[in-house]
PDB file of N, CA and C in Angstrom:
ATOM      1  N   MET A   1       0.800  -1.209   0.000  1.00  0.00           N
ATOM      2  CA  MET A   1       0.000   0.000   0.000  1.00  0.00           C
ATOM      3  C   MET A   1       0.839   1.268   0.000  1.00  0.00           C
ATOM      4  N   ASN A   2       2.120   1.147   0.127  1.00  0.00           N
ATOM      5  CA  ASN A   2       2.986   2.317   0.162  1.00  0.00           C
ATOM      6  C   ASN A   2       2.911   3.105  -1.145  1.00  0.00           C
ATOM      7  N   TRP A   3       2.808   2.413  -2.276  1.00  0.00           N
ATOM      8  CA  TRP A   3       2.725   3.106  -3.560  1.00  0.00           C
ATOM      9  C   TRP A   3       1.415   3.883  -3.670  1.00  0.00           C
ATOM     10  N   PHE A   4       0.315   3.354  -3.087  1.00  0.00           N
ATOM     11  CA  PHE A   4      -0.962   4.060  -3.104  1.00  0.00           C
ATOM     12  C   PHE A   4      -0.863   5.344  -2.287  1.00  0.00           C
ATOM     13  N   LYS A   5      -0.186   5.278  -1.163  1.00  0.00           N
ATOM     14  CA  LYS A   5       0.001   6.458  -0.304  1.00  0.00           C
ATOM     15  C   LYS A   5       0.801   7.529  -1.050  1.00  0.00           C
ATOM     16  N   LYS A   6       1.824   7.126  -1.763  1.00  0.00           N
ATOM     17  CA  LYS A   6       2.647   8.075  -2.525  1.00  0.00           C
ATOM     18  C   LYS A   6       1.867   8.644  -3.710  1.00  0.00           C
ATOM     19  N   LEU A   7       1.056   7.826  -4.366  1.00  0.00           N
ATOM     20  CA  LEU A   7       0.233   8.283  -5.483  1.00  0.00           C
ATOM     21  C   LEU A   7      -0.814   9.285  -5.002  1.00  0.00           C
ATOM     22  N   ARG A   8      -1.450   8.983  -3.877  1.00  0.00           N
ATOM     23  CA  ARG A   8      -2.430   9.893  -3.296  1.00  0.00           C
ATOM     24  C   ARG A   8      -1.766  11.202  -2.886  1.00  0.00           C
ATOM     25  N   GLY A   9      -0.578  11.120  -2.304  1.00  0.00           N
ATOM     26  CA  GLY A   9       0.158  12.326  -1.927  1.00  0.00           C
ATOM     27  C   GLY A   9       0.534  13.159  -3.138  1.00  0.00           C
ATOM     28  N   GLY A  10       0.943  12.500  -4.215  1.00  0.00           N
ATOM     29  CA  GLY A  10       1.285  13.228  -5.442  1.00  0.00           C
ATOM     30  C   GLY A  10       0.084  13.941  -6.038  1.00  0.00           C
ATOM     31  N   ALA A  11      -1.076  13.296  -5.989  1.00  0.00           N
ATOM     32  CA  ALA A  11      -2.300  13.927  -6.488  1.00  0.00           C
ATOM     33  C   ALA A  11      -2.665  15.143  -5.637  1.00  0.00           C
ATOM     34  N   LEU A  12      -2.523  15.017  -4.316  1.00  0.00           N
ATOM     35  CA  LEU A  12      -2.816  16.160  -3.435  1.00  0.00           C
ATOM     36  C   LEU A  12      -1.859  17.311  -3.689  1.00  0.00           C
ATOM     37  N   VAL A  13      -0.581  17.008  -3.876  1.00  0.00           N
ATOM     38  CA  VAL A  13       0.396  18.069  -4.154  1.00  0.00           C
ATOM     39  C   VAL A  13       0.058  18.748  -5.478  1.00  0.00           C
ATOM     40  N   SER A  14      -0.278  17.978  -6.488  1.00  0.00           N
ATOM     41  CA  SER A  14      -0.591  18.547  -7.805  1.00  0.00           C
ATOM     42  C   SER A  14      -1.821  19.444  -7.758  1.00  0.00           C
ATOM     43  N   LEU A  15      -2.901  18.944  -7.158  1.00  0.00           N
ATOM     44  CA  LEU A  15      -4.117  19.753  -7.060  1.00  0.00           C
ATOM     45  C   LEU A  15      -3.903  20.970  -6.159  1.00  0.00           C
ATOM     46  N   GLY A  16      -3.182  20.763  -5.062  1.00  0.00           N
ATOM     47  CA  GLY A  16      -2.897  21.875  -4.162  1.00  0.00           C
ATOM     48  C   GLY A  16      -2.058  22.948  -4.826  1.00  0.00           C
ATOM     49  N   TYR A  17      -1.117  22.528  -5.668  1.00  0.00           N
ATOM     50  CA  TYR A  17      -0.275  23.492  -6.391  1.00  0.00           C
ATOM     51  C   TYR A  17      -1.125  24.368  -7.299  1.00  0.00           C
ATOM     52  N   MET A  18      -2.116  23.758  -7.925  1.00  0.00           N
ATOM     53  CA  MET A  18      -2.989  24.530  -8.811  1.00  0.00           C
ATOM     54  C   MET A  18      -3.786  25.587  -8.049  1.00  0.00           C
ATOM     55  N   LEU A  19      -4.107  25.317  -6.807  1.00  0.00           N
ATOM     56  CA  LEU A  19      -4.867  26.273  -5.996  1.00  0.00           C
ATOM     57  C   LEU A  19      -3.982  27.208  -5.186  1.00  0.00           C
ATOM     58  N   SER A  20      -2.728  26.859  -4.990  1.00  0.00           N
ATOM     59  CA  SER A  20      -1.867  27.608  -4.080  1.00  0.00           C
ATOM     60  C   SER A  20      -1.373  28.911  -4.704  1.00  0.00           C
ATOM     61  N   PRO A  21      -0.877  29.806  -3.869  1.00  0.00           N
ATOM     62  CA  PRO A  21      -0.311  31.051  -4.392  1.00  0.00           C
ATOM     63  C   PRO A  21       1.012  30.835  -5.126  1.00  0.00           C
ATOM     64  N   LEU A  22       1.570  29.646  -5.064  1.00  0.00           N
ATOM     65  CA  LEU A  22       2.815  29.377  -5.780  1.00  0.00           C
ATOM     66  C   LEU A  22       2.605  29.336  -7.290  1.00  0.00           C
ATOM     67  N   SER A  23       1.382  29.057  -7.714  1.00  0.00           N
ATOM     68  CA  SER A  23       1.092  29.008  -9.143  1.00  0.00           C
ATOM     69  C   SER A  23       0.279  30.235  -9.541  1.00  0.00           C
ATOM     70  N   TRP A  24       0.914  31.376  -9.536  1.00  0.00           N
ATOM     71  CA  TRP A  24       0.221  32.636  -9.813  1.00  0.00           C
ATOM     72  C   TRP A  24      -0.432  32.628 -11.192  1.00  0.00           C
ATOM     73  N   TRP A  25       0.126  31.916 -12.143  1.00  0.00           N
ATOM     74  CA  TRP A  25      -0.430  31.881 -13.489  1.00  0.00           C
ATOM     75  C   TRP A  25      -1.727  31.083 -13.538  1.00  0.00           C
ATOM     76  N   ASN A  26      -1.988  30.244 -12.544  1.00  0.00           N
ATOM     77  CA  ASN A  26      -3.229  29.481 -12.519  1.00  0.00           C
ATOM     78  C   ASN A  26      -4.352  30.220 -11.812  1.00  0.00           C
ATOM     79  N   ASP A  27      -4.073  31.371 -11.239  1.00  0.00           N
ATOM     80  CA  ASP A  27      -5.123  32.141 -10.577  1.00  0.00           C
ATOM     81  C   ASP A  27      -6.282  32.413 -11.538  1.00  0.00           C
ATOM     82  N   LEU A  28      -5.967  32.714 -12.772  1.00  0.00           N
ATOM     83  CA  LEU A  28      -6.997  33.034 -13.756  1.00  0.00           C
ATOM     84  C   LEU A  28      -7.926  31.849 -14.002  1.00  0.00           C
ATOM     85  N   PHE A  29      -7.396  30.648 -13.970  1.00  0.00           N
ATOM     86  CA  PHE A  29      -8.184  29.468 -14.302  1.00  0.00           C
ATOM     87  C   PHE A  29      -8.833  28.788 -13.094  1.00  0.00           C
ATOM     88  N   PHE A  30      -8.239  28.930 -11.915  1.00  0.00           N
ATOM     89  CA  PHE A  30      -8.740  28.221 -10.741  1.00  0.00           C
ATOM     90  C   PHE A  30      -9.205  29.164  -9.644  1.00  0.00           C
ATOM     91  N   ASN A  31      -8.289  29.944  -9.079  1.00  0.00           N
ATOM     92  CA  ASN A  31      -8.607  30.734  -7.889  1.00  0.00           C
ATOM     93  C   ASN A  31      -9.606  31.855  -8.162  1.00  0.00           C
ATOM     94  N   LEU A  32      -9.436  32.573  -9.254  1.00  0.00           N
ATOM     95  CA  LEU A  32     -10.342  33.688  -9.523  1.00  0.00           C
ATOM     96  C   LEU A  32     -11.770  33.214  -9.788  1.00  0.00           C
ATOM     97  N   PRO A  33     -11.993  32.171 -10.599  1.00  0.00           N
ATOM     98  CA  PRO A  33     -13.382  31.699 -10.736  1.00  0.00           C
ATOM     99  C   PRO A  33     -13.989  31.223  -9.413  1.00  0.00           C
ATOM    100  N   ILE A  34     -13.194  30.522  -8.601  1.00  0.00           N
ATOM    101  CA  ILE A  34     -13.694  30.086  -7.294  1.00  0.00           C
ATOM    102  C   ILE A  34     -14.037  31.302  -6.433  1.00  0.00           C
ATOM    103  N   ALA A  35     -13.160  32.297  -6.440  1.00  0.00           N
ATOM    104  CA  ALA A  35     -13.388  33.505  -5.644  1.00  0.00           C
ATOM    105  C   ALA A  35     -14.619  34.264  -6.133  1.00  0.00           C
ATOM    106  N   LEU A  36     -14.793  34.366  -7.453  1.00  0.00           N
ATOM    107  CA  LEU A  36     -15.953  35.078  -7.988  1.00  0.00           C
ATOM    108  C   LEU A  36     -17.253  34.349  -7.662  1.00  0.00           C
ATOM    109  N   ILE A  37     -17.237  33.022  -7.725  1.00  0.00           N
ATOM    110  CA  ILE A  37     -18.428  32.253  -7.355  1.00  0.00           C
ATOM    111  C   ILE A  37     -18.749  32.462  -5.879  1.00  0.00           C
ATOM    112  N   PHE A  38     -17.711  32.466  -5.046  1.00  0.00           N
ATOM    113  CA  PHE A  38     -17.903  32.701  -3.618  1.00  0.00           C
ATOM    114  C   PHE A  38     -18.468  34.110  -3.388  1.00  0.00           C
ATOM    115  N   GLY A  39     -17.904  35.106  -4.083  1.00  0.00           N
ATOM    116  CA  GLY A  39     -18.401  36.479  -3.967  1.00  0.00           C
ATOM    117  C   GLY A  39     -19.830  36.622  -4.461  1.00  0.00           C
ATOM    118  N   TYR A  40     -20.145  35.926  -5.552  1.00  0.00           N
ATOM    119  CA  TYR A  40     -21.508  35.957  -6.074  1.00  0.00           C
ATOM    120  C   TYR A  40     -22.479  35.356  -5.067  1.00  0.00           C
ATOM    121  N   GLY A  41     -22.079  34.253  -4.445  1.00  0.00           N
ATOM    122  CA  GLY A  41     -22.923  33.644  -3.418  1.00  0.00           C
ATOM    123  C   GLY A  41     -23.121  34.582  -2.228  1.00  0.00           C
ATOM    124  N   ALA A  42     -22.056  35.271  -1.837  1.00  0.00           N
ATOM    125  CA  ALA A  42     -22.163  36.227  -0.727  1.00  0.00           C
ATOM    126  C   ALA A  42     -23.069  37.394  -1.107  1.00  0.00           C
ATOM    127  N   SER A  43     -23.069  37.784  -2.393  1.00  0.00           N
ATOM    128  CA  SER A  43     -23.904  38.915  -2.816  1.00  0.00           C
ATOM    129  C   SER A  43     -25.389  38.557  -2.809  1.00  0.00           C
ATOM    130  N   TRP A  44     -25.730  37.268  -2.780  1.00  0.00           N
ATOM    131  CA  TRP A  44     -27.138  36.882  -2.628  1.00  0.00           C
ATOM    132  C   TRP A  44     -27.647  37.250  -1.246  1.00  0.00           C
ATOM    133  N   ILE A  45     -26.753  37.173  -0.259  1.00  0.00           N
ATOM    134  CA  ILE A  45     -27.139  37.513   1.113  1.00  0.00           C
ATOM    135  C   ILE A  45     -27.261  39.027   1.259  1.00  0.00           C
ATOM    136  N   ASN A  46     -26.257  39.742   0.768  1.00  0.00           N
ATOM    137  CA  ASN A  46     -26.243  41.200   0.817  1.00  0.00           C
ATOM    138  C   ASN A  46     -25.503  41.681  -0.423  1.00  0.00           C
ATOM    139  N   SER A  47     -26.110  42.552  -1.205  1.00  0.00           N
ATOM    140  CA  SER A  47     -25.522  42.951  -2.493  1.00  0.00           C
ATOM    141  C   SER A  47     -24.172  43.657  -2.345  1.00  0.00           C
ATOM    142  N   SER A  48     -23.879  44.224  -1.207  1.00  0.00           N
ATOM    143  CA  SER A  48     -22.592  44.906  -1.029  1.00  0.00           C
ATOM    144  C   SER A  48     -21.479  43.956  -0.594  1.00  0.00           C
ATOM    145  N   TRP A  49     -21.768  42.681  -0.469  1.00  0.00           N
ATOM    146  CA  TRP A  49     -20.775  41.704  -0.014  1.00  0.00           C
ATOM    147  C   TRP A  49     -20.029  41.031  -1.158  1.00  0.00           C
ATOM    148  N   PHE A  50     -20.227  41.461  -2.395  1.00  0.00           N
ATOM    149  CA  PHE A  50     -19.570  40.798  -3.523  1.00  0.00           C
ATOM    150  C   PHE A  50     -18.048  40.886  -3.433  1.00  0.00           C
ATOM    151  N   VAL A  51     -17.511  42.079  -3.265  1.00  0.00           N
ATOM    152  CA  VAL A  51     -16.047  42.243  -3.224  1.00  0.00           C
ATOM    153  C   VAL A  51     -15.454  41.584  -1.982  1.00  0.00           C
ATOM    154  N   PRO A  52     -15.996  41.816  -0.772  1.00  0.00           N
ATOM    155  CA  PRO A  52     -15.441  41.092   0.376  1.00  0.00           C
ATOM    156  C   PRO A  52     -15.562  39.575   0.234  1.00  0.00           C
ATOM    157  N   GLY A  53     -16.669  39.115  -0.326  1.00  0.00           N
ATOM    158  CA  GLY A  53     -16.837  37.681  -0.541  1.00  0.00           C
ATOM    159  C   GLY A  53     -15.832  37.133  -1.537  1.00  0.00           C
ATOM    160  N   THR A  54     -15.515  37.921  -2.554  1.00  0.00           N
ATOM    161  CA  THR A  54     -14.510  37.507  -3.536  1.00  0.00           C
ATOM    162  C   THR A  54     -13.134  37.403  -2.886  1.00  0.00           C
ATOM    163  N   VAL A  55     -12.792  38.364  -2.047  1.00  0.00           N
ATOM    164  CA  VAL A  55     -11.501  38.320  -1.349  1.00  0.00           C
ATOM    165  C   VAL A  55     -11.437  37.109  -0.422  1.00  0.00           C
ATOM    166  N   ILE A  56     -12.512  36.864   0.308  1.00  0.00           N
ATOM    167  CA  ILE A  56     -12.546  35.710   1.216  1.00  0.00           C
ATOM    168  C   ILE A  56     -12.475  34.402   0.422  1.00  0.00           C
ATOM    169  N   GLY A  57     -13.180  34.330  -0.699  1.00  0.00           N
ATOM    170  CA  GLY A  57     -13.121  33.138  -1.535  1.00  0.00           C
ATOM    171  C   GLY A  57     -11.727  32.904  -2.101  1.00  0.00           C
ATOM    172  N   TYR A  58     -11.061  33.980  -2.481  1.00  0.00           N
ATOM    173  CA  TYR A  58      -9.685  33.866  -2.991  1.00  0.00           C
ATOM    174  C   TYR A  58      -8.752  33.372  -1.885  1.00  0.00           C
ATOM    175  N   TRP A  59      -8.912  33.939  -0.710  1.00  0.00           N
ATOM    176  CA  TRP A  59      -8.087  33.537   0.432  1.00  0.00           C
ATOM    177  C   TRP A  59      -8.327  32.068   0.771  1.00  0.00           C
ATOM    178  N   LEU A  60      -9.587  31.661   0.806  1.00  0.00           N
ATOM    179  CA  LEU A  60      -9.907  30.272   1.134  1.00  0.00           C
ATOM    180  C   LEU A  60      -9.356  29.296   0.097  1.00  0.00           C
ATOM    181  N   SER A  61      -9.412  29.662  -1.182  1.00  0.00           N
ATOM    182  CA  SER A  61      -8.873  28.765  -2.206  1.00  0.00           C
ATOM    183  C   SER A  61      -7.364  28.626  -2.053  1.00  0.00           C
ATOM    184  N   ASN A  62      -6.683  29.693  -1.654  1.00  0.00           N
ATOM    185  CA  ASN A  62      -5.244  29.610  -1.395  1.00  0.00           C
ATOM    186  C   ASN A  62      -4.956  28.760  -0.164  1.00  0.00           C
ATOM    187  N   VAL A  63      -5.758  28.910   0.879  1.00  0.00           N
ATOM    188  CA  VAL A  63      -5.581  28.099   2.089  1.00  0.00           C
ATOM    189  C   VAL A  63      -5.748  26.620   1.758  1.00  0.00           C
ATOM    190  N   VAL A  64      -6.793  26.300   1.024  1.00  0.00           N
ATOM    191  CA  VAL A  64      -7.032  24.900   0.650  1.00  0.00           C
ATOM    192  C   VAL A  64      -5.862  24.363  -0.170  1.00  0.00           C
ATOM    193  N   GLY A  65      -5.348  25.169  -1.095  1.00  0.00           N
ATOM    194  CA  GLY A  65      -4.213  24.734  -1.906  1.00  0.00           C
ATOM    195  C   GLY A  65      -2.967  24.462  -1.086  1.00  0.00           C
ATOM    196  N   ILE A  66      -2.646  25.358  -0.177  1.00  0.00           N
ATOM    197  CA  ILE A  66      -1.453  25.178   0.655  1.00  0.00           C
ATOM    198  C   ILE A  66      -1.602  23.965   1.560  1.00  0.00           C
ATOM    199  N   VAL A  67      -2.765  23.815   2.153  1.00  0.00           N
ATOM    200  CA  VAL A  67      -3.000  22.671   3.042  1.00  0.00           C
ATOM    201  C   VAL A  67      -2.945  21.361   2.248  1.00  0.00           C
ATOM    202  N   MET A  68      -3.517  21.346   1.053  1.00  0.00           N
ATOM    203  CA  MET A  68      -3.449  20.141   0.215  1.00  0.00           C
ATOM    204  C   MET A  68      -2.003  19.793  -0.124  1.00  0.00           C
ATOM    205  N   MET A  69      -1.201  20.811  -0.425  1.00  0.00           N
ATOM    206  CA  MET A  69       0.215  20.561  -0.723  1.00  0.00           C
ATOM    207  C   MET A  69       0.934  20.007   0.503  1.00  0.00           C
ATOM    208  N   GLN A  70       0.651  20.562   1.666  1.00  0.00           N
ATOM    209  CA  GLN A  70       1.290  20.085   2.889  1.00  0.00           C
ATOM    210  C   GLN A  70       0.915  18.639   3.177  1.00  0.00           C
ATOM    211  N   PHE A  71      -0.361  18.318   3.062  1.00  0.00           N
ATOM    212  CA  PHE A  71      -0.791  16.947   3.324  1.00  0.00           C
ATOM    213  C   PHE A  71      -0.218  15.986   2.292  1.00  0.00           C
ATOM    214  N   GLY A  72      -0.195  16.411   1.029  1.00  0.00           N
ATOM    215  CA  GLY A  72       0.367  15.557  -0.011  1.00  0.00           C
ATOM    216  C   GLY A  72       1.849  15.316   0.179  1.00  0.00           C
ATOM    217  N   ALA A  73       2.583  16.374   0.508  1.00  0.00           N
ATOM    218  CA  ALA A  73       4.018  16.217   0.759  1.00  0.00           C
ATOM    219  C   ALA A  73       4.250  15.334   1.978  1.00  0.00           C
ATOM    220  N   GLY A  74       3.398  15.463   2.975  1.00  0.00           N
ATOM    221  CA  GLY A  74       3.501  14.601   4.150  1.00  0.00           C
ATOM    222  C   GLY A  74       3.268  13.149   3.801  1.00  0.00           C
ATOM    223  N   GLU A  75       2.322  12.902   2.894  1.00  0.00           N
ATOM    224  CA  GLU A  75       2.056  11.532   2.456  1.00  0.00           C
ATOM    225  C   GLU A  75       3.277  10.955   1.718  1.00  0.00           C
ATOM    226  N   ILE A  76       3.914  11.780   0.912  1.00  0.00           N
ATOM    227  CA  ILE A  76       5.040  11.309   0.105  1.00  0.00           C
ATOM    228  C   ILE A  76       6.310  11.150   0.938  1.00  0.00           C
ATOM    229  N   LEU A  77       6.607  12.139   1.768  1.00  0.00           N
ATOM    230  CA  LEU A  77       7.904  12.197   2.444  1.00  0.00           C
ATOM    231  C   LEU A  77       7.932  11.590   3.838  1.00  0.00           C
ATOM    232  N   SER A  78       6.805  11.620   4.525  1.00  0.00           N
ATOM    233  CA  SER A  78       6.795  11.203   5.926  1.00  0.00           C
ATOM    234  C   SER A  78       6.786   9.688   6.059  1.00  0.00           C
ATOM    235  N   ARG A  79       7.613   9.213   6.957  1.00  0.00           N
ATOM    236  CA  ARG A  79       7.629   7.789   7.272  1.00  0.00           C
ATOM    237  C   ARG A  79       6.767   7.497   8.498  1.00  0.00           C
ATOM    238  N   GLU A  80       6.468   8.519   9.264  1.00  0.00           N
ATOM    239  CA  GLU A  80       5.681   8.323  10.481  1.00  0.00           C
ATOM    240  C   GLU A  80       4.193   8.427  10.166  1.00  0.00           C
ATOM    241  N   GLU A  81       3.399   7.722  10.908  1.00  0.00           N
ATOM    242  CA  GLU A  81       1.956   7.715  10.692  1.00  0.00           C
ATOM    243  C   GLU A  81       1.269   8.852  11.446  1.00  0.00           C
ATOM    244  N   ASN A  82       1.838   9.257  12.576  1.00  0.00           N
ATOM    245  CA  ASN A  82       1.237  10.322  13.382  1.00  0.00           C
ATOM    246  C   ASN A  82       1.775  11.666  12.914  1.00  0.00           C
ATOM    247  N   ARG A  83       0.850  12.502  12.447  1.00  0.00           N
ATOM    248  CA  ARG A  83       1.240  13.837  12.012  1.00  0.00           C
ATOM    249  C   ARG A  83       0.480  14.850  12.842  1.00  0.00           C
ATOM    250  N   ASN A  84       1.018  16.054  12.926  1.00  0.00           N
ATOM    251  CA  ASN A  84       0.405  17.111  13.712  1.00  0.00           C
ATOM    252  C   ASN A  84      -0.554  17.901  12.821  1.00  0.00           C
ATOM    253  N   LEU A  85      -1.824  17.524  12.818  1.00  0.00           N
ATOM    254  CA  LEU A  85      -2.828  18.147  11.973  1.00  0.00           C
ATOM    255  C   LEU A  85      -2.992  19.628  12.301  1.00  0.00           C
ATOM    256  N   LYS A  86      -3.005  19.955  13.582  1.00  0.00           N
ATOM    257  CA  LYS A  86      -3.192  21.348  14.001  1.00  0.00           C
ATOM    258  C   LYS A  86      -2.055  22.230  13.480  1.00  0.00           C
ATOM    259  N   ARG A  87      -0.825  21.753  13.594  1.00  0.00           N
ATOM    260  CA  ARG A  87       0.317  22.514  13.102  1.00  0.00           C
ATOM    261  C   ARG A  87       0.243  22.701  11.586  1.00  0.00           C
ATOM    262  N   ASP A  88      -0.102  21.649  10.868  1.00  0.00           N
ATOM    263  CA  ASP A  88      -0.208  21.740   9.413  1.00  0.00           C
ATOM    264  C   ASP A  88      -1.269  22.749   8.993  1.00  0.00           C
ATOM    265  N   LEU A  89      -2.419  22.717   9.663  1.00  0.00           N
ATOM    266  CA  LEU A  89      -3.484  23.666   9.334  1.00  0.00           C
ATOM    267  C   LEU A  89      -3.093  25.105   9.659  1.00  0.00           C
ATOM    268  N   LEU A  90      -2.422  25.308  10.790  1.00  0.00           N
ATOM    269  CA  LEU A  90      -1.991  26.659  11.160  1.00  0.00           C
ATOM    270  C   LEU A  90      -0.941  27.199  10.192  1.00  0.00           C
ATOM    271  N   LEU A  91      -0.023  26.350   9.755  1.00  0.00           N
ATOM    272  CA  LEU A  91       0.972  26.783   8.765  1.00  0.00           C
ATOM    273  C   LEU A  91       0.305  27.152   7.442  1.00  0.00           C
ATOM    274  N   GLY A  92      -0.641  26.361   7.005  1.00  0.00           N
ATOM    275  CA  GLY A  92      -1.355  26.666   5.768  1.00  0.00           C
ATOM    276  C   GLY A  92      -2.148  27.945   5.874  1.00  0.00           C
ATOM    277  N   LEU A  93      -2.848  28.117   6.975  1.00  0.00           N
ATOM    278  CA  LEU A  93      -3.637  29.320   7.206  1.00  0.00           C
ATOM    279  C   LEU A  93      -2.736  30.553   7.259  1.00  0.00           C
ATOM    280  N   GLY A  94      -1.622  30.456   7.966  1.00  0.00           N
ATOM    281  CA  GLY A  94      -0.704  31.586   8.078  1.00  0.00           C
ATOM    282  C   GLY A  94      -0.078  31.959   6.743  1.00  0.00           C
ATOM    283  N   GLY A  95       0.345  30.972   5.976  1.00  0.00           N
ATOM    284  CA  GLY A  95       0.958  31.253   4.675  1.00  0.00           C
ATOM    285  C   GLY A  95      -0.018  31.892   3.710  1.00  0.00           C
ATOM    286  N   ALA A  96      -1.220  31.375   3.635  1.00  0.00           N
ATOM    287  CA  ALA A  96      -2.218  31.939   2.735  1.00  0.00           C
ATOM    288  C   ALA A  96      -2.663  33.324   3.187  1.00  0.00           C
ATOM    289  N   THR A  97      -2.758  33.533   4.479  1.00  0.00           N
ATOM    290  CA  THR A  97      -3.132  34.852   4.993  1.00  0.00           C
ATOM    291  C   THR A  97      -2.065  35.879   4.670  1.00  0.00           C
ATOM    292  N   LEU A  98      -0.809  35.522   4.857  1.00  0.00           N
ATOM    293  CA  LEU A  98       0.287  36.434   4.525  1.00  0.00           C
ATOM    294  C   LEU A  98       0.254  36.784   3.040  1.00  0.00           C
ATOM    295  N   TYR A  99       0.068  35.799   2.186  1.00  0.00           N
ATOM    296  CA  TYR A  99      -0.004  36.041   0.748  1.00  0.00           C
ATOM    297  C   TYR A  99      -1.168  36.979   0.411  1.00  0.00           C
ATOM    298  N   THR A 100      -2.333  36.746   1.002  1.00  0.00           N
ATOM    299  CA  THR A 100      -3.494  37.581   0.730  1.00  0.00           C
ATOM    300  C   THR A 100      -3.267  39.009   1.201  1.00  0.00           C
ATOM    301  N   LEU A 101      -2.619  39.187   2.352  1.00  0.00           N
ATOM    302  CA  LEU A 101      -2.321  40.533   2.841  1.00  0.00           C
ATOM    303  C   LEU A 101      -1.363  41.269   1.911  1.00  0.00           C
ATOM    304  N   VAL A 102      -0.382  40.561   1.367  1.00  0.00           N
ATOM    305  CA  VAL A 102       0.560  41.174   0.425  1.00  0.00           C
ATOM    306  C   VAL A 102      -0.182  41.610  -0.837  1.00  0.00           C
ATOM    307  N   VAL A 103      -1.039  40.746  -1.375  1.00  0.00           N
ATOM    308  CA  VAL A 103      -1.798  41.102  -2.571  1.00  0.00           C
ATOM    309  C   VAL A 103      -2.733  42.278  -2.284  1.00  0.00           C
ATOM    310  N   ALA A 104      -3.408  42.268  -1.141  1.00  0.00           N
ATOM    311  CA  ALA A 104      -4.304  43.370  -0.781  1.00  0.00           C
ATOM    312  C   ALA A 104      -3.523  44.678  -0.636  1.00  0.00           C
ATOM    313  N   ALA A 105      -2.328  44.623  -0.055  1.00  0.00           N
ATOM    314  CA  ALA A 105      -1.500  45.828   0.065  1.00  0.00           C
ATOM    315  C   ALA A 105      -1.071  46.339  -1.307  1.00  0.00           C
ATOM    316  N   LEU A 106      -0.731  45.436  -2.207  1.00  0.00           N
ATOM    317  CA  LEU A 106      -0.340  45.853  -3.565  1.00  0.00           C
ATOM    318  C   LEU A 106      -1.511  46.485  -4.309  1.00  0.00           C
ATOM    319  N   VAL A 107      -2.717  45.991  -4.084  1.00  0.00           N
ATOM    320  CA  VAL A 107      -3.902  46.603  -4.692  1.00  0.00           C
ATOM    321  C   VAL A 107      -4.158  47.964  -4.050  1.00  0.00           C
ATOM    322  N   TYR A 108      -4.039  48.044  -2.740  1.00  0.00           N
ATOM    323  CA  TYR A 108      -4.270  49.307  -2.030  1.00  0.00           C
ATOM    324  C   TYR A 108      -3.271  50.377  -2.459  1.00  0.00           C
ATOM    325  N   LEU A 109      -2.015  49.980  -2.659  1.00  0.00           N
ATOM    326  CA  LEU A 109      -0.970  50.923  -3.078  1.00  0.00           C
ATOM    327  C   LEU A 109      -0.972  51.166  -4.586  1.00  0.00           C
ATOM    328  N   LYS A 110      -1.942  50.564  -5.280  1.00  0.00           N
ATOM    329  CA  LYS A 110      -2.121  50.709  -6.726  1.00  0.00           C
ATOM    330  C   LYS A 110      -0.944  50.180  -7.538  1.00  0.00           C
ATOM    331  N   VAL A 111      -0.234  49.205  -6.975  1.00  0.00           N
ATOM    332  CA  VAL A 111       0.802  48.502  -7.726  1.00  0.00           C
ATOM    333  C   VAL A 111       0.115  47.498  -8.655  1.00  0.00           C
ATOM    334  N   LEU A 112      -0.948  46.872  -8.160  1.00  0.00           N
ATOM    335  CA  LEU A 112      -1.778  45.982  -8.954  1.00  0.00           C
ATOM    336  C   LEU A 112      -3.089  46.686  -9.254  1.00  0.00           C
ATOM    337  N   LYS A 113      -3.558  46.551 -10.486  1.00  0.00           N
ATOM    338  CA  LYS A 113      -4.824  47.177 -10.877  1.00  0.00           C
ATOM    339  C   LYS A 113      -5.942  46.143 -10.785  1.00  0.00           C
ATOM    340  N   VAL A 114      -7.037  46.532 -10.176  1.00  0.00           N
ATOM    341  CA  VAL A 114      -8.210  45.673 -10.043  1.00  0.00           C
ATOM    342  C   VAL A 114      -9.069  45.868 -11.292  1.00  0.00           C
ATOM    343  N   PRO A 115      -9.538  44.801 -11.915  1.00  0.00           N
ATOM    344  CA  PRO A 115     -10.408  44.938 -13.090  1.00  0.00           C
ATOM    345  C   PRO A 115     -11.671  45.746 -12.764  1.00  0.00           C
ATOM    346  N   ASP A 116     -12.164  46.457 -13.742  1.00  0.00           N
ATOM    347  CA  ASP A 116     -13.321  47.329 -13.540  1.00  0.00           C
ATOM    348  C   ASP A 116     -14.563  46.581 -13.069  1.00  0.00           C
ATOM    349  N   PHE A 117     -14.751  45.326 -13.523  1.00  0.00           N
ATOM    350  CA  PHE A 117     -15.962  44.605 -13.136  1.00  0.00           C
ATOM    351  C   PHE A 117     -15.959  44.214 -11.660  1.00  0.00           C
ATOM    352  N   LEU A 118     -14.803  44.303 -10.979  1.00  0.00           N
ATOM    353  CA  LEU A 118     -14.758  44.015  -9.544  1.00  0.00           C
ATOM    354  C   LEU A 118     -15.005  45.260  -8.694  1.00  0.00           C
ATOM    355  N   MET A 119     -14.990  46.418  -9.319  1.00  0.00           N
ATOM    356  CA  MET A 119     -15.210  47.655  -8.582  1.00  0.00           C
ATOM    357  C   MET A 119     -16.706  47.901  -8.464  1.00  0.00           C
ATOM    358  N   VAL A 120     -17.189  47.910  -7.228  1.00  0.00           N
ATOM    359  CA  VAL A 120     -18.621  48.098  -6.993  1.00  0.00           C
ATOM    360  C   VAL A 120     -18.850  49.455  -6.417  1.00  0.00           C
TER     361      VAL A 120
END
């Protein structure tokens, strides 16, 4: 079963990479559509929640990607069966939060331009 564990870990790393902030070129195909769907869902509750919902959806997709990569790498590299789930989740949450704060600061400082359709 060791090969199955490594195959499962490789799949998690691959999918997580597509969602993670490490693959900035995939944001257009994966993270942004997920974020826009999340923002659209939030705008059903309150019409002014589209942009905050989009930011939260983008952040969550990055968190999921980082955590998937961590779990996949753990499956591939770790020889021990007991892993620290809390530590892995906190590292993923912290990394994705830091990335989102950097992107938000770049948008705020007008280094990055926000598309017109996101401006409400």
